[in-house]
Amino acid sequence: MKHAQTTFLLAFLLMLCAGSLLAVDPGKDFLITLDGSKLTGEIKTVAFKQRKTQISFRNDLGTLYTVDASCIYGFACEEAGEILLFESKFLNGEWQFLKVENKGNVLTVYTSSERQLQFVGSNQNPIVVQDQKSPQIWLQFEGEQPFRLYRFNFRGVLRKKMKSHPELARRIGRRGFRYKNLAMIVDSYNRFHQETL
């Protein structure tokens, strides 16, 4: 009788240990499917190209997939110790991944660039295979399509888009509200919008 209880106890403890070993570190990278599900794994390659934007993704079971931007909502990956979020957007007739720079309730800033990142290992930094000189800035107001924002016309575009908050729109282009302060402008707009609700 004691032998059977000891065997049962050891088997039970072994199952607990095995379950906790499998639960450790499910992966920092993940995909977000079109229906909002989260699939964990490891992003192997991110190819930002004009015609074929896609990622290579190895799921937790070890299966490698190549996924086009049109097939997922977005993904997250770790680069240099920082978690980067990307969303799939349909821009100028093509699907692209835009990096989320500043996510707000009504206004979000994205960047995009043509580059390819190669992830050689889970603990190693990615290698940039191809890089563009400077990132493109994109803005998206809630319920609208993203649009590219240029340094030379940002004042006129933002003043027009932010006319519902005239006190903020008047500041665009002045000290503290210039192109280089775009993150602060977006935060201010989201805050102004929240306060008026």
C-alpha atoms as a PDB file:
ATOM      1  CA  MET A   1       0.000   0.000   0.000  1.00  0.00           C
ATOM      2  CA  LYS A   2       2.776   2.434   0.927  1.00  0.00           C
ATOM      3  CA  HIS A   3       4.617   1.586  -2.293  1.00  0.00           C
ATOM      4  CA  ALA A   4       1.522   2.449  -4.398  1.00  0.00           C
ATOM      5  CA  GLN A   5       1.059   5.781  -2.570  1.00  0.00           C
ATOM      6  CA  THR A   6       4.739   6.677  -3.015  1.00  0.00           C
ATOM      7  CA  THR A   7       4.594   5.800  -6.721  1.00  0.00           C
ATOM      8  CA  PHE A   8       1.424   7.884  -7.163  1.00  0.00           C
ATOM      9  CA  LEU A   9       2.970  10.839  -5.302  1.00  0.00           C
ATOM     10  CA  LEU A  10       6.179  10.688  -7.377  1.00  0.00           C
ATOM     11  CA  ALA A  11       4.189  10.466 -10.618  1.00  0.00           C
ATOM     12  CA  PHE A  12       2.043  13.438  -9.539  1.00  0.00           C
ATOM     13  CA  LEU A  13       5.118  15.547  -8.660  1.00  0.00           C
ATOM     14  CA  LEU A  14       6.760  14.626 -11.971  1.00  0.00           C
ATOM     15  CA  MET A  15       3.658  15.810 -13.870  1.00  0.00           C
ATOM     16  CA  LEU A  16       3.669  19.101 -11.940  1.00  0.00           C
ATOM     17  CA  CYS A  17       7.348  19.681 -12.715  1.00  0.00           C
ATOM     18  CA  ALA A  18       6.843  18.845 -16.400  1.00  0.00           C
ATOM     19  CA  GLY A  19       3.889  21.251 -16.610  1.00  0.00           C
ATOM     20  CA  SER A  20       5.846  24.092 -15.032  1.00  0.00           C
ATOM     21  CA  LEU A  21       8.826  23.474 -17.321  1.00  0.00           C
ATOM     22  CA  LEU A  22       6.609  23.745 -20.386  1.00  0.00           C
ATOM     23  CA  ALA A  23       5.032  26.968 -19.087  1.00  0.00           C
ATOM     24  CA  VAL A  24       8.353  28.815 -18.671  1.00  0.00           C
ATOM     25  CA  ASP A  25       9.106  31.535 -21.235  1.00  0.00           C
ATOM     26  CA  PRO A  26       6.393  31.074 -23.862  1.00  0.00           C
ATOM     27  CA  GLY A  27       8.216  33.599 -26.095  1.00  0.00           C
ATOM     28  CA  LYS A  28       8.429  37.369 -26.106  1.00  0.00           C
ATOM     29  CA  ASP A  29       7.598  37.684 -29.804  1.00  0.00           C
ATOM     30  CA  PHE A  30       4.024  37.213 -30.961  1.00  0.00           C
ATOM     31  CA  LEU A  31       1.609  37.631 -33.850  1.00  0.00           C
ATOM     32  CA  ILE A  32      -1.862  39.121 -33.550  1.00  0.00           C
ATOM     33  CA  THR A  33      -4.264  37.423 -35.927  1.00  0.00           C
ATOM     34  CA  LEU A  34      -7.082  39.214 -37.738  1.00  0.00           C
ATOM     35  CA  ASP A  35      -9.564  37.947 -35.146  1.00  0.00           C
ATOM     36  CA  GLY A  36      -7.433  39.296 -32.252  1.00  0.00           C
ATOM     37  CA  SER A  37      -5.826  36.036 -31.101  1.00  0.00           C
ATOM     38  CA  LYS A  38      -2.219  36.142 -29.918  1.00  0.00           C
ATOM     39  CA  LEU A  39       0.220  33.481 -31.188  1.00  0.00           C
ATOM     40  CA  THR A  40       3.532  33.336 -29.341  1.00  0.00           C
ATOM     41  CA  GLY A  41       6.802  32.251 -30.880  1.00  0.00           C
ATOM     42  CA  GLU A  42       9.847  33.891 -32.409  1.00  0.00           C
ATOM     43  CA  ILE A  43      10.095  36.385 -35.248  1.00  0.00           C
ATOM     44  CA  LYS A  44      12.975  35.213 -37.448  1.00  0.00           C
ATOM     45  CA  THR A  45      12.943  37.769 -40.284  1.00  0.00           C
ATOM     46  CA  VAL A  46      11.055  40.977 -40.978  1.00  0.00           C
ATOM     47  CA  ALA A  47      11.140  42.111 -44.618  1.00  0.00           C
ATOM     48  CA  PHE A  48       9.893  45.655 -45.215  1.00  0.00           C
ATOM     49  CA  LYS A  49       9.627  45.838 -48.996  1.00  0.00           C
ATOM     50  CA  GLN A  50       7.498  47.864 -51.378  1.00  0.00           C
ATOM     51  CA  ARG A  51       5.626  44.944 -52.934  1.00  0.00           C
ATOM     52  CA  LYS A  52       5.965  42.003 -50.528  1.00  0.00           C
ATOM     53  CA  THR A  53       6.019  42.957 -46.852  1.00  0.00           C
ATOM     54  CA  GLN A  54       6.179  39.808 -44.743  1.00  0.00           C
ATOM     55  CA  ILE A  55       7.667  38.131 -41.707  1.00  0.00           C
ATOM     56  CA  SER A  56       9.087  34.702 -40.966  1.00  0.00           C
ATOM     57  CA  PHE A  57       7.652  33.372 -37.720  1.00  0.00           C
ATOM     58  CA  ARG A  58       8.493  30.204 -35.792  1.00  0.00           C
ATOM     59  CA  ASN A  59       5.665  29.217 -33.450  1.00  0.00           C
ATOM     60  CA  ASP A  60       6.165  27.585 -30.029  1.00  0.00           C
ATOM     61  CA  LEU A  61       5.914  24.130 -31.625  1.00  0.00           C
ATOM     62  CA  GLY A  62       8.870  24.895 -33.920  1.00  0.00           C
ATOM     63  CA  THR A  63       6.951  25.292 -37.190  1.00  0.00           C
ATOM     64  CA  LEU A  64       8.275  28.082 -39.449  1.00  0.00           C
ATOM     65  CA  TYR A  65       5.776  30.241 -41.372  1.00  0.00           C
ATOM     66  CA  THR A  66       6.126  33.110 -43.831  1.00  0.00           C
ATOM     67  CA  VAL A  67       3.246  35.513 -43.222  1.00  0.00           C
ATOM     68  CA  ASP A  68       2.213  38.461 -45.412  1.00  0.00           C
ATOM     69  CA  ALA A  69       1.148  41.734 -43.817  1.00  0.00           C
ATOM     70  CA  SER A  70      -2.398  41.313 -45.180  1.00  0.00           C
ATOM     71  CA  CYS A  71      -2.926  38.093 -43.189  1.00  0.00           C
ATOM     72  CA  ILE A  72      -2.362  39.442 -39.650  1.00  0.00           C
ATOM     73  CA  TYR A  73      -3.353  42.463 -37.554  1.00  0.00           C
ATOM     74  CA  GLY A  74       0.230  42.968 -36.416  1.00  0.00           C
ATOM     75  CA  PHE A  75       3.122  41.570 -34.426  1.00  0.00           C
ATOM     76  CA  ALA A  76       5.565  42.362 -31.641  1.00  0.00           C
ATOM     77  CA  CYS A  77       9.251  41.528 -31.456  1.00  0.00           C
ATOM     78  CA  GLU A  78      12.220  42.331 -29.271  1.00  0.00           C
ATOM     79  CA  GLU A  79      15.033  44.441 -30.686  1.00  0.00           C
ATOM     80  CA  ALA A  80      17.960  45.543 -28.520  1.00  0.00           C
ATOM     81  CA  GLY A  81      16.026  44.754 -25.320  1.00  0.00           C
ATOM     82  CA  GLU A  82      12.954  46.754 -26.339  1.00  0.00           C
ATOM     83  CA  ILE A  83       9.579  45.340 -27.425  1.00  0.00           C
ATOM     84  CA  LEU A  84       8.539  46.846 -30.765  1.00  0.00           C
ATOM     85  CA  LEU A  85       4.916  46.773 -31.945  1.00  0.00           C
ATOM     86  CA  PHE A  86       3.915  46.749 -35.623  1.00  0.00           C
ATOM     87  CA  GLU A  87       0.475  46.945 -37.221  1.00  0.00           C
ATOM     88  CA  SER A  88      -0.525  45.932 -40.753  1.00  0.00           C
ATOM     89  CA  LYS A  89      -1.930  48.827 -42.792  1.00  0.00           C
ATOM     90  CA  PHE A  90      -3.160  49.098 -46.385  1.00  0.00           C
ATOM     91  CA  LEU A  91      -1.267  52.075 -47.839  1.00  0.00           C
ATOM     92  CA  ASN A  92      -1.166  53.222 -51.460  1.00  0.00           C
ATOM     93  CA  GLY A  93      -2.591  49.933 -52.714  1.00  0.00           C
ATOM     94  CA  GLU A  94      -0.184  47.701 -50.754  1.00  0.00           C
ATOM     95  CA  TRP A  95      -0.073  46.093 -47.309  1.00  0.00           C
ATOM     96  CA  GLN A  96       2.771  47.294 -45.091  1.00  0.00           C
ATOM     97  CA  PHE A  97       3.912  46.975 -41.495  1.00  0.00           C
ATOM     98  CA  LEU A  98       4.003  50.276 -39.625  1.00  0.00           C
ATOM     99  CA  LYS A  99       5.887  50.540 -36.355  1.00  0.00           C
ATOM    100  CA  VAL A 100       3.760  51.973 -33.542  1.00  0.00           C
ATOM    101  CA  GLU A 101       5.616  54.958 -32.098  1.00  0.00           C
ATOM    102  CA  ASN A 102       2.914  56.628 -30.031  1.00  0.00           C
ATOM    103  CA  LYS A 103      -0.482  54.921 -29.669  1.00  0.00           C
ATOM    104  CA  GLY A 104      -3.356  57.134 -28.577  1.00  0.00           C
ATOM    105  CA  ASN A 105      -7.114  56.834 -28.239  1.00  0.00           C
ATOM    106  CA  VAL A 106      -7.829  59.072 -31.244  1.00  0.00           C
ATOM    107  CA  LEU A 107      -4.433  59.795 -32.827  1.00  0.00           C
ATOM    108  CA  THR A 108      -1.510  57.412 -33.372  1.00  0.00           C
ATOM    109  CA  VAL A 109       1.983  57.959 -34.810  1.00  0.00           C
ATOM    110  CA  TYR A 110       3.632  55.249 -36.895  1.00  0.00           C
ATOM    111  CA  THR A 111       6.938  55.005 -38.725  1.00  0.00           C
ATOM    112  CA  SER A 112       7.917  52.855 -41.667  1.00  0.00           C
ATOM    113  CA  SER A 113      11.107  52.134 -43.520  1.00  0.00           C
ATOM    114  CA  GLU A 114      12.370  49.712 -46.094  1.00  0.00           C
ATOM    115  CA  ARG A 115      14.662  47.415 -44.202  1.00  0.00           C
ATOM    116  CA  GLN A 116      15.139  43.791 -43.407  1.00  0.00           C
ATOM    117  CA  LEU A 117      15.984  42.546 -39.934  1.00  0.00           C
ATOM    118  CA  GLN A 118      17.568  39.126 -39.506  1.00  0.00           C
ATOM    119  CA  PHE A 119      17.138  37.552 -36.063  1.00  0.00           C
ATOM    120  CA  VAL A 120      19.997  35.063 -35.657  1.00  0.00           C
ATOM    121  CA  GLY A 121      19.089  33.837 -32.180  1.00  0.00           C
ATOM    122  CA  SER A 122      16.696  34.440 -29.345  1.00  0.00           C
ATOM    123  CA  ASN A 123      19.320  36.241 -27.203  1.00  0.00           C
ATOM    124  CA  GLN A 124      21.157  38.040 -29.992  1.00  0.00           C
ATOM    125  CA  ASN A 125      20.550  41.444 -31.490  1.00  0.00           C
ATOM    126  CA  PRO A 126      19.026  41.539 -34.987  1.00  0.00           C
ATOM    127  CA  ILE A 127      21.189  42.287 -37.987  1.00  0.00           C
ATOM    128  CA  VAL A 128      19.888  45.023 -40.277  1.00  0.00           C
ATOM    129  CA  VAL A 129      20.256  43.630 -43.785  1.00  0.00           C
ATOM    130  CA  GLN A 130      18.925  46.635 -45.708  1.00  0.00           C
ATOM    131  CA  ASP A 131      18.216  50.103 -44.343  1.00  0.00           C
ATOM    132  CA  GLN A 132      16.666  53.339 -45.563  1.00  0.00           C
ATOM    133  CA  LYS A 133      18.094  56.757 -44.696  1.00  0.00           C
ATOM    134  CA  SER A 134      15.232  58.108 -42.602  1.00  0.00           C
ATOM    135  CA  PRO A 135      11.918  56.662 -41.439  1.00  0.00           C
ATOM    136  CA  GLN A 136       8.640  57.823 -42.914  1.00  0.00           C
ATOM    137  CA  ILE A 137       6.174  59.343 -40.437  1.00  0.00           C
ATOM    138  CA  TRP A 138       2.521  58.294 -40.623  1.00  0.00           C
ATOM    139  CA  LEU A 139      -0.444  59.564 -38.581  1.00  0.00           C
ATOM    140  CA  GLN A 140      -3.829  57.940 -38.123  1.00  0.00           C
ATOM    141  CA  PHE A 141      -6.858  59.633 -36.643  1.00  0.00           C
ATOM    142  CA  GLU A 142      -9.534  57.330 -35.254  1.00  0.00           C
ATOM    143  CA  GLY A 143     -11.808  56.040 -38.019  1.00  0.00           C
ATOM    144  CA  GLU A 144      -9.564  57.309 -40.830  1.00  0.00           C
ATOM    145  CA  GLN A 145      -6.836  55.854 -43.021  1.00  0.00           C
ATOM    146  CA  PRO A 146      -3.191  56.520 -42.062  1.00  0.00           C
ATOM    147  CA  PHE A 147      -1.530  59.323 -44.033  1.00  0.00           C
ATOM    148  CA  ARG A 148       2.107  60.229 -44.468  1.00  0.00           C
ATOM    149  CA  LEU A 149       3.227  63.413 -42.755  1.00  0.00           C
ATOM    150  CA  TYR A 150       6.054  65.485 -44.245  1.00  0.00           C
ATOM    151  CA  ARG A 151       8.170  68.068 -42.470  1.00  0.00           C
ATOM    152  CA  PHE A 152       7.419  70.799 -45.028  1.00  0.00           C
ATOM    153  CA  ASN A 153       3.602  70.622 -44.764  1.00  0.00           C
ATOM    154  CA  PHE A 154       2.960  69.313 -41.262  1.00  0.00           C
ATOM    155  CA  ARG A 155       1.705  72.679 -39.917  1.00  0.00           C
ATOM    156  CA  GLY A 156      -1.046  73.107 -42.498  1.00  0.00           C
ATOM    157  CA  VAL A 157      -2.103  69.454 -42.353  1.00  0.00           C
ATOM    158  CA  LEU A 158      -2.256  69.282 -38.536  1.00  0.00           C
ATOM    159  CA  ARG A 159      -3.985  72.662 -38.136  1.00  0.00           C
ATOM    160  CA  LYS A 160      -6.680  71.493 -40.547  1.00  0.00           C
ATOM    161  CA  LYS A 161      -7.028  68.048 -38.927  1.00  0.00           C
ATOM    162  CA  MET A 162      -7.094  69.498 -35.380  1.00  0.00           C
ATOM    163  CA  LYS A 163      -9.609  72.276 -36.037  1.00  0.00           C
ATOM    164  CA  SER A 164     -11.968  70.714 -33.482  1.00  0.00           C
ATOM    165  CA  HIS A 165      -9.449  71.888 -30.849  1.00  0.00           C
ATOM    166  CA  PRO A 166      -8.603  75.446 -32.032  1.00  0.00           C
ATOM    167  CA  GLU A 167      -6.448  76.296 -29.016  1.00  0.00           C
ATOM    168  CA  LEU A 168      -4.148  73.379 -29.885  1.00  0.00           C
ATOM    169  CA  ALA A 169      -4.322  73.968 -33.654  1.00  0.00           C
ATOM    170  CA  ARG A 170      -3.074  77.569 -33.200  1.00  0.00           C
ATOM    171  CA  ARG A 171       0.048  76.295 -31.392  1.00  0.00           C
ATOM    172  CA  ILE A 172       1.165  74.021 -34.248  1.00  0.00           C
ATOM    173  CA  GLY A 173       4.457  75.360 -35.644  1.00  0.00           C
ATOM    174  CA  ARG A 174       5.308  77.452 -32.589  1.00  0.00           C
ATOM    175  CA  ARG A 175       8.010  76.671 -30.042  1.00  0.00           C
ATOM    176  CA  GLY A 176       7.400  73.263 -28.461  1.00  0.00           C
ATOM    177  CA  PHE A 177       4.878  72.335 -31.176  1.00  0.00           C
ATOM    178  CA  ARG A 178       7.185  71.867 -34.139  1.00  0.00           C
ATOM    179  CA  TYR A 179       7.789  68.792 -36.281  1.00  0.00           C
ATOM    180  CA  LYS A 180      10.467  67.506 -33.904  1.00  0.00           C
ATOM    181  CA  ASN A 181       7.870  67.677 -31.064  1.00  0.00           C
ATOM    182  CA  LEU A 182       5.380  65.436 -32.874  1.00  0.00           C
ATOM    183  CA  ALA A 183       5.124  62.950 -29.980  1.00  0.00           C
ATOM    184  CA  MET A 184       4.182  65.786 -27.606  1.00  0.00           C
ATOM    185  CA  ILE A 185       1.644  67.192 -30.107  1.00  0.00           C
ATOM    186  CA  VAL A 186      -0.010  63.770 -30.395  1.00  0.00           C
ATOM    187  CA  ASP A 187      -0.116  63.377 -26.602  1.00  0.00           C
ATOM    188  CA  SER A 188      -1.662  66.845 -26.276  1.00  0.00           C
ATOM    189  CA  TYR A 189      -4.302  66.103 -28.911  1.00  0.00           C
ATOM    190  CA  ASN A 190      -5.263  62.803 -27.281  1.00  0.00           C
ATOM    191  CA  ARG A 191      -5.435  64.525 -23.890  1.00  0.00           C
ATOM    192  CA  PHE A 192      -7.540  67.447 -25.239  1.00  0.00           C
ATOM    193  CA  HIS A 193      -9.895  64.969 -26.877  1.00  0.00           C
ATOM    194  CA  GLN A 194     -10.219  62.926 -23.669  1.00  0.00           C
ATOM    195  CA  GLU A 195     -10.980  66.046 -21.595  1.00  0.00           C
ATOM    196  CA  THR A 196     -13.812  67.119 -23.900  1.00  0.00           C
ATOM    197  CA  LEU A 197     -15.641  63.774 -23.529  1.00  0.00           C
END
